[in-house]
Amino acid sequence: AHASPFAHRPPRGGTTMAPQRWRSRSGAGALVCLIAGVPIGRFGAGSFAFSSASVPRRGVLGLGGVLGAAGGVGGGGGTAWAEDAPAPSGGTLHIKRVIAESGLEDWSYAEYEAMRDDEPRTKAYEAAIGKRLKGMQGGGTVVVDIGTGALALLAIMAAKAGATKVYAIEINPEAAQNARETVKKEKLDKIIEVITGDSMKVDLPEKVDLIVSELIGSIATQEGVEPIIKDAEKRFLKEAPGSSCPNMIPLCVQTLVAPIKYTEHRIMSFAAKRGVMSRGKAADGTLRPLRLRSKTKDLVFLSDPQVLESFEFCQPGATKAVEERSLRFDISKKKADDAKDFSGFAMWTRLVVDEENVVDVQTQKVTSHWAYVVALMDDKPIALVAPGTIELKGSVDYSAKPVRYTLEAELPV
């Protein structure tokens, strides 16, 4: 474990934006994630209508080739159609794609090591855990680490920061055994108890003062964090639900999204051989996305990112079963050449570990263990008109297994 906590600054490579506090109606402090200085709450309830009675459909476009079958290159079904636009500049193209992948949590030991070696993430957690436990000193402090992994990384941080007891829960038996061996090597086995099992089915012998976890995917909630944290807050915490901010690390996680040009899009049969396809299993009729390293040179961003989803660990019960958000991306004239090769949307994680430590995959200076997840909207690039505006309706169905992400776009063509 590293030992260099930050003092009133974000982790290296992270965004300089800090989360802010607001007062709920109950008076309890709650976290609001910020991006570009604008508070981001949960998705609005309103839906976005792409077509109207005054805009006739012109025809349906088939999505064949690499986007033709789940599990193939691009994978999965979708619908697309061109429409006459009321504006004189041209028409609009509607495309809908869905991502729903399983099997993403089966990590190898080497992948756990890559997570540990992701310095901005690891240092942010270490600083947050150290600060939080320092503030709790004065009696025995009990911690639970949900999804401790093969290295029991956060559990060991908590024990070294002064926790008197740490329960480290891990669903994978092999990873749990590796965690026990790691804890023993650190001579912390009298403090840390590794428990093999599903945290939603495990009963702890006592309530805890602090919940720590790293259940974050490259699409933030893709590993099923939402129901796990809801359950943990209700069953594990000493504090009553609704006031869990001081008792939860991290505080908030977001998925950011932006329209992109993927430079290898026209040669996908070659690019797919380079291991860019997601290793997850795509549900029938859904897209198999790309997963590109955070320092890839193969993405050109056509507009600034916006928030697709925002999950607050402080108030997990406030999240709806299906969350929706309507977004607009302005494509400037300067991006006109790149916009002729619009590929789809890149998604990535922004993690607010605590008030001082924020990790953003796009802005950190070193390679993140999290990837860009890229949804190609068709089997070939689409020529967009620039300047122009992309309308995107994004929805996240947390009740689905696996979690289901729908991207429905209206494109200026």
Foldseek 3Di string as FASTA:
>chain_A
DDDDADDQAAFFLADRDFWDWDADPVRFIATFDDDPRDTDDFFDPDFDDPDDPVKDFDDWDAFDDQDNAFPGNFHFAKTKTKIQDPDPPGTKMKIKAKFFFDDPPPDDPVLVVQQCVQPLVLNLLLNLLLVLVVVVPDDAAEEEEEQCFLQNSSQVSNVVSPHQAYEYEHQDPVSLVSNCVNCVVVVNCNRYDYDHHHLLPDADPAAGQAYEYDQQAQQGCQSLVLVNLVSCQPHHHPDHQPNCQSRYFAFKKFKKKFWKFFQCLVVSVVVVVVVQWDPTRGDTRHTGWGWAWLPDPRIDTQFDIDTQGMAGSNHSVVDDQKTKHKDKGFGAPVCQVRLQFTFFMKIGMWTRRDRHYIHGSNRRPDIHSHTITGNGRHSGGHRADPRDMKMWMWMWRSVDVRIMIMIMIMTHD
